[in-house]
C-alpha atoms as a PDB file:
ATOM      1  CA  MET A   1      66.462  78.369  91.029  1.00  0.00           C
ATOM      2  CA  LYS A   2      67.556  80.003  94.286  1.00  0.00           C
ATOM      3  CA  LEU A   3      69.632  83.170  93.867  1.00  0.00           C
ATOM      4  CA  PRO A   4      71.784  84.157  96.877  1.00  0.00           C
ATOM      5  CA  VAL A   5      71.002  87.887  96.948  1.00  0.00           C
ATOM      6  CA  VAL A   6      73.862  88.816  99.279  1.00  0.00           C
ATOM      7  CA  LEU A   7      76.469  87.778  96.700  1.00  0.00           C
ATOM      8  CA  TYR A   8      75.507  90.229  93.957  1.00  0.00           C
ATOM      9  CA  PRO A   9      76.761  93.823  93.666  1.00  0.00           C
ATOM     10  CA  LYS A  10      73.501  95.391  92.454  1.00  0.00           C
ATOM     11  CA  VAL A  11      71.598  94.683  95.667  1.00  0.00           C
ATOM     12  CA  ALA A  12      69.467  97.109  97.617  1.00  0.00           C
ATOM     13  CA  ARG A  13      70.188  96.477 101.286  1.00  0.00           C
ATOM     14  CA  GLU A  14      68.239  97.840 104.222  1.00  0.00           C
ATOM     15  CA  ASP A  15      71.220  99.979 105.230  1.00  0.00           C
ATOM     16  CA  CYS A  16      71.722 101.308 101.674  1.00  0.00           C
ATOM     17  CA  ALA A  17      69.872 104.507 100.773  1.00  0.00           C
ATOM     18  CA  MET A  18      70.310 104.795  97.006  1.00  0.00           C
ATOM     19  CA  GLY A  19      68.125 103.426  94.272  1.00  0.00           C
ATOM     20  CA  ILE A  20      69.226 102.684  90.726  1.00  0.00           C
ATOM     21  CA  GLY A  21      67.754 102.954  87.271  1.00  0.00           C
ATOM     22  CA  VAL A  22      67.029  99.783  85.353  1.00  0.00           C
ATOM     23  CA  LYS A  23      66.193  99.776  81.686  1.00  0.00           C
ATOM     24  CA  LEU A  24      63.222  97.700  80.553  1.00  0.00           C
ATOM     25  CA  ALA A  25      63.368  96.839  76.857  1.00  0.00           C
ATOM     26  CA  CYS A  26      61.166  94.851  74.506  1.00  0.00           C
ATOM     27  CA  PRO A  27      61.217  94.623  70.691  1.00  0.00           C
ATOM     28  CA  CYS A  28      57.601  95.841  70.620  1.00  0.00           C
ATOM     29  CA  PHE A  29      58.240  99.283  72.193  1.00  0.00           C
ATOM     30  CA  GLY A  30      61.975  99.965  72.531  1.00  0.00           C
ATOM     31  CA  SER A  31      63.072 100.796  76.078  1.00  0.00           C
ATOM     32  CA  PHE A  32      62.544 103.058  79.070  1.00  0.00           C
ATOM     33  CA  THR A  33      64.130 103.504  82.483  1.00  0.00           C
ATOM     34  CA  LEU A  34      62.483 102.584  85.798  1.00  0.00           C
ATOM     35  CA  GLN A  35      63.537 103.835  89.224  1.00  0.00           C
ATOM     36  CA  VAL A  36      63.936 100.886  91.596  1.00  0.00           C
ATOM     37  CA  GLY A  37      65.416 100.321  95.023  1.00  0.00           C
ATOM     38  CA  PRO A  38      65.540 102.213  98.311  1.00  0.00           C
ATOM     39  CA  ARG A  39      65.810 105.901  99.103  1.00  0.00           C
ATOM     40  CA  MET A  40      66.776 107.912 102.161  1.00  0.00           C
ATOM     41  CA  SER A  41      63.252 108.706 103.323  1.00  0.00           C
ATOM     42  CA  PRO A  42      61.011 106.998 104.403  1.00  0.00           C
ATOM     43  CA  PRO A  43      63.398 104.575 106.121  1.00  0.00           C
ATOM     44  CA  LYS A  44      61.794 101.293 104.987  1.00  0.00           C
ATOM     45  CA  TYR A  45      61.158 101.907 101.308  1.00  0.00           C
ATOM     46  CA  CYS A  46      62.165  99.908  98.232  1.00  0.00           C
ATOM     47  CA  LEU A  47      60.584 100.217  94.788  1.00  0.00           C
ATOM     48  CA  PHE A  48      60.378  97.065  92.709  1.00  0.00           C
ATOM     49  CA  PRO A  49      58.462  96.240  89.492  1.00  0.00           C
ATOM     50  CA  PHE A  50      55.216  94.322  89.975  1.00  0.00           C
ATOM     51  CA  MET A  51      52.834  92.694  87.514  1.00  0.00           C
ATOM     52  CA  CYS A  52      49.080  92.885  87.992  1.00  0.00           C
ATOM     53  CA  THR A  53      47.508  89.484  87.404  1.00  0.00           C
ATOM     54  CA  LYS A  54      44.122  91.144  86.775  1.00  0.00           C
ATOM     55  CA  CYS A  55      44.921  93.724  84.047  1.00  0.00           C
ATOM     56  CA  GLU A  56      48.467  92.435  83.254  1.00  0.00           C
ATOM     57  CA  ALA A  57      49.982  95.940  83.539  1.00  0.00           C
ATOM     58  CA  ALA A  58      53.279  96.721  85.286  1.00  0.00           C
ATOM     59  CA  SER A  59      53.800  99.128  88.211  1.00  0.00           C
ATOM     60  CA  CYS A  60      56.748  99.979  90.456  1.00  0.00           C
ATOM     61  CA  LEU A  61      55.559  99.563  94.045  1.00  0.00           C
ATOM     62  CA  ASP A  62      57.115  99.863  97.512  1.00  0.00           C
ATOM     63  CA  ILE A  63      57.698  96.320  98.795  1.00  0.00           C
ATOM     64  CA  HIS A  64      57.212  97.551 102.379  1.00  0.00           C
ATOM     65  CA  ALA A  65      53.806  99.200 101.763  1.00  0.00           C
ATOM     66  CA  ASN A  66      50.925  97.922 103.884  1.00  0.00           C
ATOM     67  CA  LEU A  67      48.699  97.600 100.829  1.00  0.00           C
ATOM     68  CA  LEU A  68      50.059  96.874  97.373  1.00  0.00           C
ATOM     69  CA  ALA A  69      47.781  97.792  94.471  1.00  0.00           C
ATOM     70  CA  CYS A  70      48.149  98.093  90.720  1.00  0.00           C
ATOM     71  CA  ALA A  71      48.710 101.713  89.653  1.00  0.00           C
ATOM     72  CA  HIS A  72      46.522 101.079  86.576  1.00  0.00           C
ATOM     73  CA  CYS A  73      43.401  99.229  87.803  1.00  0.00           C
ATOM     74  CA  GLY A  74      43.734  99.362  91.610  1.00  0.00           C
ATOM     75  CA  SER A  75      43.688  95.580  92.020  1.00  0.00           C
ATOM     76  CA  ALA A  76      45.568  94.039  94.930  1.00  0.00           C
ATOM     77  CA  SER A  77      46.427  91.060  92.684  1.00  0.00           C
ATOM     78  CA  VAL A  78      50.045  92.063  92.084  1.00  0.00           C
ATOM     79  CA  VAL A  79      53.168  89.881  92.067  1.00  0.00           C
ATOM     80  CA  PRO A  80      56.835  90.947  91.975  1.00  0.00           C
ATOM     81  CA  TYR A  81      58.498  90.658  88.578  1.00  0.00           C
ATOM     82  CA  GLY A  82      60.874  88.046  90.018  1.00  0.00           C
ATOM     83  CA  SER A  83      58.025  85.543  90.416  1.00  0.00           C
ATOM     84  CA  LYS A  84      55.652  83.690  88.129  1.00  0.00           C
ATOM     85  CA  PRO A  85      53.682  84.688  86.066  1.00  0.00           C
ATOM     86  CA  ALA A  86      55.905  87.737  85.309  1.00  0.00           C
ATOM     87  CA  LEU A  87      59.123  85.724  84.989  1.00  0.00           C
ATOM     88  CA  GLY A  88      59.669  84.011  81.660  1.00  0.00           C
ATOM     89  CA  GLU A  89      63.206  82.661  82.032  1.00  0.00           C
ATOM     90  CA  LEU A  90      66.007  83.486  84.485  1.00  0.00           C
ATOM     91  CA  GLY A  91      69.159  84.947  83.011  1.00  0.00           C
ATOM     92  CA  PRO A  92      72.706  84.223  84.227  1.00  0.00           C
ATOM     93  CA  ASN A  93      73.343  87.765  85.534  1.00  0.00           C
ATOM     94  CA  VAL A  94      71.576  89.685  88.285  1.00  0.00           C
ATOM     95  CA  VAL A  95      70.581  93.204  87.228  1.00  0.00           C
ATOM     96  CA  PHE A  96      68.971  94.275  90.516  1.00  0.00           C
ATOM     97  CA  ALA A  97      67.640  92.769  93.742  1.00  0.00           C
ATOM     98  CA  CYS A  98      65.848  94.179  96.782  1.00  0.00           C
ATOM     99  CA  TRP A  99      66.661  92.843 100.222  1.00  0.00           C
ATOM    100  CA  PRO A 100      64.034  90.194 101.120  1.00  0.00           C
ATOM    101  CA  CYS A 101      61.257  91.247 103.474  1.00  0.00           C
ATOM    102  CA  GLU A 102      58.385  89.626 105.385  1.00  0.00           C
ATOM    103  CA  LYS A 103      56.134  89.556 102.310  1.00  0.00           C
ATOM    104  CA  PHE A 104      58.591  88.500  99.611  1.00  0.00           C
ATOM    105  CA  SER A 105      61.552  86.146  99.263  1.00  0.00           C
ATOM    106  CA  ALA A 106      64.915  87.001  97.709  1.00  0.00           C
ATOM    107  CA  ASP A 107      63.960  85.065  94.548  1.00  0.00           C
ATOM    108  CA  GLN A 108      60.801  87.136  94.078  1.00  0.00           C
ATOM    109  CA  LEU A 109      62.750  90.394  94.468  1.00  0.00           C
ATOM    110  CA  THR A 110      65.547  89.605  92.004  1.00  0.00           C
ATOM    111  CA  LEU A 111      65.717  90.772  88.387  1.00  0.00           C
ATOM    112  CA  THR A 112      68.133  89.010  86.030  1.00  0.00           C
ATOM    113  CA  ASP A 113      68.974  89.619  82.394  1.00  0.00           C
ATOM    114  CA  GLY A 114      66.459  86.902  81.466  1.00  0.00           C
ATOM    115  CA  SER A 115      63.006  87.333  79.913  1.00  0.00           C
ATOM    116  CA  TYR A 116      59.963  88.901  81.601  1.00  0.00           C
ATOM    117  CA  TRP A 117      56.322  89.721  80.886  1.00  0.00           C
ATOM    118  CA  CYS A 118      55.826  92.680  78.559  1.00  0.00           C
ATOM    119  CA  PRO A 119      52.562  94.486  79.373  1.00  0.00           C
ATOM    120  CA  THR A 120      52.482  95.912  75.828  1.00  0.00           C
ATOM    121  CA  CYS A 121      52.799  92.840  73.564  1.00  0.00           C
ATOM    122  CA  ARG A 122      51.726  90.432  76.334  1.00  0.00           C
ATOM    123  CA  LYS A 123      54.639  88.024  75.813  1.00  0.00           C
ATOM    124  CA  HIS A 124      57.690  87.105  77.900  1.00  0.00           C
ATOM    125  CA  THR A 125      60.006  89.144  75.661  1.00  0.00           C
ATOM    126  CA  ALA A 126      60.939  92.086  77.934  1.00  0.00           C
ATOM    127  CA  ARG A 127      64.439  92.293  79.444  1.00  0.00           C
ATOM    128  CA  PHE A 128      65.968  94.313  82.271  1.00  0.00           C
ATOM    129  CA  SER A 129      69.446  95.864  82.201  1.00  0.00           C
ATOM    130  CA  ASP A 130      71.402  98.376  84.298  1.00  0.00           C
ATOM    131  CA  ALA A 131      70.698 101.938  83.130  1.00  0.00           C
ATOM    132  CA  GLY A 132      73.818 103.264  84.893  1.00  0.00           C
ATOM    133  CA  ILE A 133      72.082 105.857  87.083  1.00  0.00           C
ATOM    134  CA  LEU A 134      71.599 106.311  90.831  1.00  0.00           C
ATOM    135  CA  TRP A 135      68.654 108.097  92.467  1.00  0.00           C
ATOM    136  CA  ASP A 136      67.391 109.060  95.897  1.00  0.00           C
END
């Protein structure tokens, strides 16, 4: 399913310099807040959740970084949470999206209120929601 990123209000654009907090929740652990999106410095910077296909852990990484590596095992085998195998099922509402870049499409950089991979219980039972905070 193609999601037109420019139509949603919770979108990190290249000219926008504020990130947001998104809550990640799963029945197995409760919930916690992640910082995602851009910030004022460095200029091309946008944090987005990634899944490591080697150790199956989750890390928030800068989509513009030259080298992307898992914060847990160091593997370069990471995929954005908007792509398979991290995505379980798309939800109807967009929670957050980063502006597409050379490495990743808009679909890969979009989080909905659907189901996602939980690195704790290792099922597609985790869900993202807006935490209602801004950060820089």
